Amino acid sequence: SKESLGDLYEPLCAYLDTLMDGTSE
């Protein structure tokens, strides 16, 4: 959905990275 998300795409991917950093249960 990259095209539909527009400017939201990069922030969403960045947030997803925080869920994989091993610091959260």
PDB file of all heavy atoms in Angstrom:
ATOM      1  N   SER A   1       0.825  -1.214   0.000  1.00  0.00           N
ATOM      2  CA  SER A   1       0.000   0.000   0.000  1.00  0.00           C
ATOM      3  C   SER A   1       0.860   1.265   0.000  1.00  0.00           C
ATOM      4  O   SER A   1       0.395   2.332   0.394  1.00  0.00           O
ATOM      5  CB  SER A   1      -0.923   0.003   1.238  1.00  0.00           C
ATOM      6  OG  SER A   1      -1.735  -1.140   1.272  1.00  0.00           O
ATOM      7  N   LYS A   2       2.101   1.131  -0.460  1.00  0.00           N
ATOM      8  CA  LYS A   2       3.033   2.262  -0.388  1.00  0.00           C
ATOM      9  C   LYS A   2       2.480   3.503  -1.079  1.00  0.00           C
ATOM     10  O   LYS A   2       2.527   4.616  -0.519  1.00  0.00           O
ATOM     11  CB  LYS A   2       4.368   1.864  -1.004  1.00  0.00           C
ATOM     12  CG  LYS A   2       5.429   2.955  -0.919  1.00  0.00           C
ATOM     13  CD  LYS A   2       6.775   2.456  -1.435  1.00  0.00           C
ATOM     14  CE  LYS A   2       7.840   3.538  -1.299  1.00  0.00           C
ATOM     15  NZ  LYS A   2       9.168   3.040  -1.778  1.00  0.00           N
ATOM     16  N   GLU A   3       1.938   3.339  -2.273  1.00  0.00           N
ATOM     17  CA  GLU A   3       1.438   4.508  -3.002  1.00  0.00           C
ATOM     18  C   GLU A   3       0.247   5.140  -2.285  1.00  0.00           C
ATOM     19  O   GLU A   3       0.138   6.364  -2.199  1.00  0.00           O
ATOM     20  CB  GLU A   3       1.055   4.107  -4.431  1.00  0.00           C
ATOM     21  CG  GLU A   3       2.249   3.713  -5.293  1.00  0.00           C
ATOM     22  CD  GLU A   3       1.840   3.455  -6.734  1.00  0.00           C
ATOM     23  OE1 GLU A   3       0.666   3.704  -7.064  1.00  0.00           O
ATOM     24  OE2 GLU A   3       2.693   3.007  -7.521  1.00  0.00           O
ATOM     25  N   SER A   4      -0.636   4.312  -1.770  1.00  0.00           N
ATOM     26  CA  SER A   4      -1.815   4.842  -1.080  1.00  0.00           C
ATOM     27  C   SER A   4      -1.434   5.536   0.225  1.00  0.00           C
ATOM     28  O   SER A   4      -2.057   6.539   0.612  1.00  0.00           O
ATOM     29  CB  SER A   4      -2.804   3.705  -0.779  1.00  0.00           C
ATOM     30  OG  SER A   4      -3.223   3.068  -1.961  1.00  0.00           O
ATOM     31  N   LEU A   5      -0.417   5.034   0.895  1.00  0.00           N
ATOM     32  CA  LEU A   5      -0.022   5.619   2.176  1.00  0.00           C
ATOM     33  C   LEU A   5       0.690   6.954   2.020  1.00  0.00           C
ATOM     34  O   LEU A   5       0.640   7.799   2.918  1.00  0.00           O
ATOM     35  CB  LEU A   5       0.892   4.634   2.927  1.00  0.00           C
ATOM     36  CG  LEU A   5       0.199   3.384   3.476  1.00  0.00           C
ATOM     37  CD1 LEU A   5       1.242   2.370   3.945  1.00  0.00           C
ATOM     38  CD2 LEU A   5      -0.739   3.749   4.617  1.00  0.00           C
ATOM     39  N   GLY A   6       1.352   7.135   0.910  1.00  0.00           N
ATOM     40  CA  GLY A   6       2.030   8.409   0.665  1.00  0.00           C
ATOM     41  C   GLY A   6       3.056   8.722   1.737  1.00  0.00           C
ATOM     42  O   GLY A   6       3.947   7.928   2.037  1.00  0.00           O
ATOM     43  N   ASP A   7       2.912   9.900   2.383  1.00  0.00           N
ATOM     44  CA  ASP A   7       3.875  10.357   3.391  1.00  0.00           C
ATOM     45  C   ASP A   7       3.851   9.519   4.666  1.00  0.00           C
ATOM     46  O   ASP A   7       4.766   9.636   5.494  1.00  0.00           O
ATOM     47  CB  ASP A   7       3.602  11.821   3.753  1.00  0.00           C
ATOM     48  CG  ASP A   7       3.879  12.762   2.594  1.00  0.00           C
ATOM     49  OD1 ASP A   7       4.622  12.367   1.669  1.00  0.00           O
ATOM     50  OD2 ASP A   7       3.339  13.892   2.607  1.00  0.00           O
ATOM     51  N   LEU A   8       2.822   8.704   4.835  1.00  0.00           N
ATOM     52  CA  LEU A   8       2.737   7.868   6.033  1.00  0.00           C
ATOM     53  C   LEU A   8       3.603   6.613   5.938  1.00  0.00           C
ATOM     54  O   LEU A   8       3.870   5.967   6.947  1.00  0.00           O
ATOM     55  CB  LEU A   8       1.288   7.437   6.292  1.00  0.00           C
ATOM     56  CG  LEU A   8       0.310   8.522   6.711  1.00  0.00           C
ATOM     57  CD1 LEU A   8      -1.098   7.942   6.810  1.00  0.00           C
ATOM     58  CD2 LEU A   8       0.720   9.121   8.060  1.00  0.00           C
ATOM     59  N   TYR A   9       4.050   6.278   4.728  1.00  0.00           N
ATOM     60  CA  TYR A   9       4.764   5.015   4.531  1.00  0.00           C
ATOM     61  C   TYR A   9       6.052   4.949   5.344  1.00  0.00           C
ATOM     62  O   TYR A   9       6.282   3.974   6.085  1.00  0.00           O
ATOM     63  CB  TYR A   9       5.065   4.808   3.044  1.00  0.00           C
ATOM     64  CG  TYR A   9       5.881   3.572   2.773  1.00  0.00           C
ATOM     65  CD1 TYR A   9       5.305   2.307   2.835  1.00  0.00           C
ATOM     66  CD2 TYR A   9       7.245   3.665   2.464  1.00  0.00           C
ATOM     67  CE1 TYR A   9       6.044   1.162   2.595  1.00  0.00           C
ATOM     68  CE2 TYR A   9       7.997   2.522   2.218  1.00  0.00           C
ATOM     69  CZ  TYR A   9       7.389   1.286   2.283  1.00  0.00           C
ATOM     70  OH  TYR A   9       8.137   0.159   2.062  1.00  0.00           O
ATOM     71  N   GLU A  10       6.918   5.929   5.237  1.00  0.00           N
ATOM     72  CA  GLU A  10       8.200   5.907   5.938  1.00  0.00           C
ATOM     73  C   GLU A  10       8.019   5.908   7.456  1.00  0.00           C
ATOM     74  O   GLU A  10       8.674   5.124   8.163  1.00  0.00           O
ATOM     75  CB  GLU A  10       9.074   7.082   5.491  1.00  0.00           C
ATOM     76  CG  GLU A  10       9.541   6.990   4.036  1.00  0.00           C
ATOM     77  CD  GLU A  10      10.420   5.768   3.787  1.00  0.00           C
ATOM     78  OE1 GLU A  10      11.012   5.244   4.756  1.00  0.00           O
ATOM     79  OE2 GLU A  10      10.505   5.327   2.628  1.00  0.00           O
ATOM     80  N   PRO A  11       7.156   6.771   8.029  1.00  0.00           N
ATOM     81  CA  PRO A  11       6.945   6.712   9.488  1.00  0.00           C
ATOM     82  C   PRO A  11       6.428   5.363   9.963  1.00  0.00           C
ATOM     83  O   PRO A  11       6.820   4.891  11.040  1.00  0.00           O
ATOM     84  CB  PRO A  11       5.916   7.820   9.739  1.00  0.00           C
ATOM     85  CG  PRO A  11       6.092   8.769   8.608  1.00  0.00           C
ATOM     86  CD  PRO A  11       6.442   7.911   7.430  1.00  0.00           C
ATOM     87  N   LEU A  12       5.556   4.734   9.177  1.00  0.00           N
ATOM     88  CA  LEU A  12       5.042   3.422   9.561  1.00  0.00           C
ATOM     89  C   LEU A  12       6.162   2.387   9.609  1.00  0.00           C
ATOM     90  O   LEU A  12       6.255   1.582  10.542  1.00  0.00           O
ATOM     91  CB  LEU A  12       3.956   2.965   8.589  1.00  0.00           C
ATOM     92  CG  LEU A  12       2.545   3.461   8.840  1.00  0.00           C
ATOM     93  CD1 LEU A  12       1.623   3.031   7.700  1.00  0.00           C
ATOM     94  CD2 LEU A  12       2.014   2.922  10.165  1.00  0.00           C
ATOM     95  N   CYS A  13       7.029   2.414   8.583  1.00  0.00           N
ATOM     96  CA  CYS A  13       8.147   1.466   8.558  1.00  0.00           C
ATOM     97  C   CYS A  13       9.112   1.725   9.706  1.00  0.00           C
ATOM     98  O   CYS A  13       9.640   0.781  10.327  1.00  0.00           O
ATOM     99  CB  CYS A  13       8.891   1.562   7.222  1.00  0.00           C
ATOM    100  SG  CYS A  13       7.945   0.931   5.814  1.00  0.00           S
ATOM    101  N   ALA A  14       9.336   3.003  10.020  1.00  0.00           N
ATOM    102  CA  ALA A  14      10.228   3.342  11.131  1.00  0.00           C
ATOM    103  C   ALA A  14       9.651   2.854  12.454  1.00  0.00           C
ATOM    104  O   ALA A  14      10.380   2.334  13.312  1.00  0.00           O
ATOM    105  CB  ALA A  14      10.455   4.854  11.166  1.00  0.00           C
ATOM    106  N   TYR A  15       8.338   3.003  12.629  1.00  0.00           N
ATOM    107  CA  TYR A  15       7.702   2.527  13.854  1.00  0.00           C
ATOM    108  C   TYR A  15       7.788   1.014  13.949  1.00  0.00           C
ATOM    109  O   TYR A  15       8.021   0.451  15.024  1.00  0.00           O
ATOM    110  CB  TYR A  15       6.247   2.970  13.904  1.00  0.00           C
ATOM    111  CG  TYR A  15       5.518   2.483  15.135  1.00  0.00           C
ATOM    112  CD1 TYR A  15       5.820   2.996  16.392  1.00  0.00           C
ATOM    113  CD2 TYR A  15       4.555   1.489  15.041  1.00  0.00           C
ATOM    114  CE1 TYR A  15       5.178   2.538  17.526  1.00  0.00           C
ATOM    115  CE2 TYR A  15       3.903   1.021  16.175  1.00  0.00           C
ATOM    116  CZ  TYR A  15       4.213   1.551  17.419  1.00  0.00           C
ATOM    117  OH  TYR A  15       3.576   1.089  18.532  1.00  0.00           O
ATOM    118  N   LEU A  16       7.616   0.340  12.814  1.00  0.00           N
ATOM    119  CA  LEU A  16       7.701  -1.121  12.802  1.00  0.00           C
ATOM    120  C   LEU A  16       9.086  -1.571  13.250  1.00  0.00           C
ATOM    121  O   LEU A  16       9.230  -2.580  13.953  1.00  0.00           O
ATOM    122  CB  LEU A  16       7.394  -1.642  11.401  1.00  0.00           C
ATOM    123  CG  LEU A  16       7.068  -3.124  11.260  1.00  0.00           C
ATOM    124  CD1 LEU A  16       5.875  -3.512  12.116  1.00  0.00           C
ATOM    125  CD2 LEU A  16       6.786  -3.462   9.795  1.00  0.00           C
ATOM    126  N   ASP A  17      10.127  -0.820  12.864  1.00  0.00           N
ATOM    127  CA  ASP A  17      11.489  -1.155  13.276  1.00  0.00           C
ATOM    128  C   ASP A  17      11.632  -1.115  14.798  1.00  0.00           C
ATOM    129  O   ASP A  17      12.374  -1.916  15.383  1.00  0.00           O
ATOM    130  CB  ASP A  17      12.495  -0.184  12.642  1.00  0.00           C
ATOM    131  CG  ASP A  17      12.666  -0.431  11.154  1.00  0.00           C
ATOM    132  OD1 ASP A  17      12.367  -1.552  10.695  1.00  0.00           O
ATOM    133  OD2 ASP A  17      13.078   0.511  10.443  1.00  0.00           O
ATOM    134  N   THR A  18      10.913  -0.196  15.445  1.00  0.00           N
ATOM    135  CA  THR A  18      11.010  -0.107  16.910  1.00  0.00           C
ATOM    136  C   THR A  18      10.393  -1.320  17.582  1.00  0.00           C
ATOM    137  O   THR A  18      10.734  -1.639  18.731  1.00  0.00           O
ATOM    138  CB  THR A  18      10.311   1.156  17.441  1.00  0.00           C
ATOM    139  OG1 THR A  18       8.879   1.052  17.248  1.00  0.00           O
ATOM    140  CG2 THR A  18      10.821   2.401  16.728  1.00  0.00           C
ATOM    141  N   LEU A  19       9.488  -2.012  16.893  1.00  0.00           N
ATOM    142  CA  LEU A  19       8.866  -3.203  17.466  1.00  0.00           C
ATOM    143  C   LEU A  19       9.749  -4.435  17.337  1.00  0.00           C
ATOM    144  O   LEU A  19       9.432  -5.485  17.879  1.00  0.00           O
ATOM    145  CB  LEU A  19       7.522  -3.484  16.776  1.00  0.00           C
ATOM    146  CG  LEU A  19       6.494  -2.356  16.812  1.00  0.00           C
ATOM    147  CD1 LEU A  19       5.197  -2.805  16.143  1.00  0.00           C
ATOM    148  CD2 LEU A  19       6.223  -1.923  18.246  1.00  0.00           C
ATOM    149  N   MET A  20      10.862  -4.297  16.606  1.00  0.00           N
ATOM    150  CA  MET A  20      11.766  -5.423  16.382  1.00  0.00           C
ATOM    151  C   MET A  20      13.138  -5.186  17.001  1.00  0.00           C
ATOM    152  O   MET A  20      14.083  -5.921  16.722  1.00  0.00           O
ATOM    153  CB  MET A  20      11.923  -5.676  14.875  1.00  0.00           C
ATOM    154  CG  MET A  20      10.639  -6.021  14.162  1.00  0.00           C
ATOM    155  SD  MET A  20      10.885  -6.298  12.394  1.00  0.00           S
ATOM    156  CE  MET A  20      11.922  -7.766  12.404  1.00  0.00           C
ATOM    157  N   ASP A  21      13.262  -4.169  17.860  1.00  0.00           N
ATOM    158  CA  ASP A  21      14.589  -3.839  18.386  1.00  0.00           C
ATOM    159  C   ASP A  21      14.971  -4.665  19.611  1.00  0.00           C
ATOM    160  O   ASP A  21      16.056  -4.502  20.160  1.00  0.00           O
ATOM    161  CB  ASP A  21      14.679  -2.343  18.710  1.00  0.00           C
ATOM    162  CG  ASP A  21      13.676  -1.906  19.778  1.00  0.00           C
ATOM    163  OD1 ASP A  21      13.004  -2.786  20.359  1.00  0.00           O
ATOM    164  OD2 ASP A  21      13.564  -0.697  20.024  1.00  0.00           O
ATOM    165  N   GLY A  22      14.077  -5.543  20.044  1.00  0.00           N
ATOM    166  CA  GLY A  22      14.392  -6.432  21.161  1.00  0.00           C
ATOM    167  C   GLY A  22      14.215  -5.837  22.528  1.00  0.00           C
ATOM    168  O   GLY A  22      14.480  -6.490  23.542  1.00  0.00           O
ATOM    169  N   THR A  23      13.771  -4.583  22.598  1.00  0.00           N
ATOM    170  CA  THR A  23      13.624  -3.937  23.898  1.00  0.00           C
ATOM    171  C   THR A  23      12.223  -4.079  24.475  1.00  0.00           C
ATOM    172  O   THR A  23      12.009  -3.797  25.651  1.00  0.00           O
ATOM    173  CB  THR A  23      13.949  -2.431  23.791  1.00  0.00           C
ATOM    174  OG1 THR A  23      13.021  -1.811  22.873  1.00  0.00           O
ATOM    175  CG2 THR A  23      15.372  -2.226  23.281  1.00  0.00           C
ATOM    176  N   SER A  24      11.264  -4.496  23.646  1.00  0.00           N
ATOM    177  CA  SER A  24       9.891  -4.640  24.111  1.00  0.00           C
ATOM    178  C   SER A  24       9.532  -6.120  24.228  1.00  0.00           C
ATOM    179  O   SER A  24      10.017  -6.955  23.463  1.00  0.00           O
ATOM    180  CB  SER A  24       8.915  -3.968  23.128  1.00  0.00           C
ATOM    181  OG  SER A  24       9.201  -2.597  23.006  1.00  0.00           O
ATOM    182  N   GLU A  25       8.687  -6.417  25.190  1.00  0.00           N
ATOM    183  CA  GLU A  25       8.257  -7.800  25.377  1.00  0.00           C
ATOM    184  C   GLU A  25       7.311  -8.209  24.263  1.00  0.00           C
ATOM    185  O   GLU A  25       6.383  -7.469  23.943  1.00  0.00           O
ATOM    186  CB  GLU A  25       7.542  -7.947  26.717  1.00  0.00           C
ATOM    187  CG  GLU A  25       7.063  -9.357  27.011  1.00  0.00           C
ATOM    188  CD  GLU A  25       6.284  -9.446  28.311  1.00  0.00           C
ATOM    189  OE1 GLU A  25       6.218  -8.423  29.025  1.00  0.00           O
ATOM    190  OE2 GLU A  25       5.720 -10.525  28.604  1.00  0.00           O
TER     191      GLU A  25
END
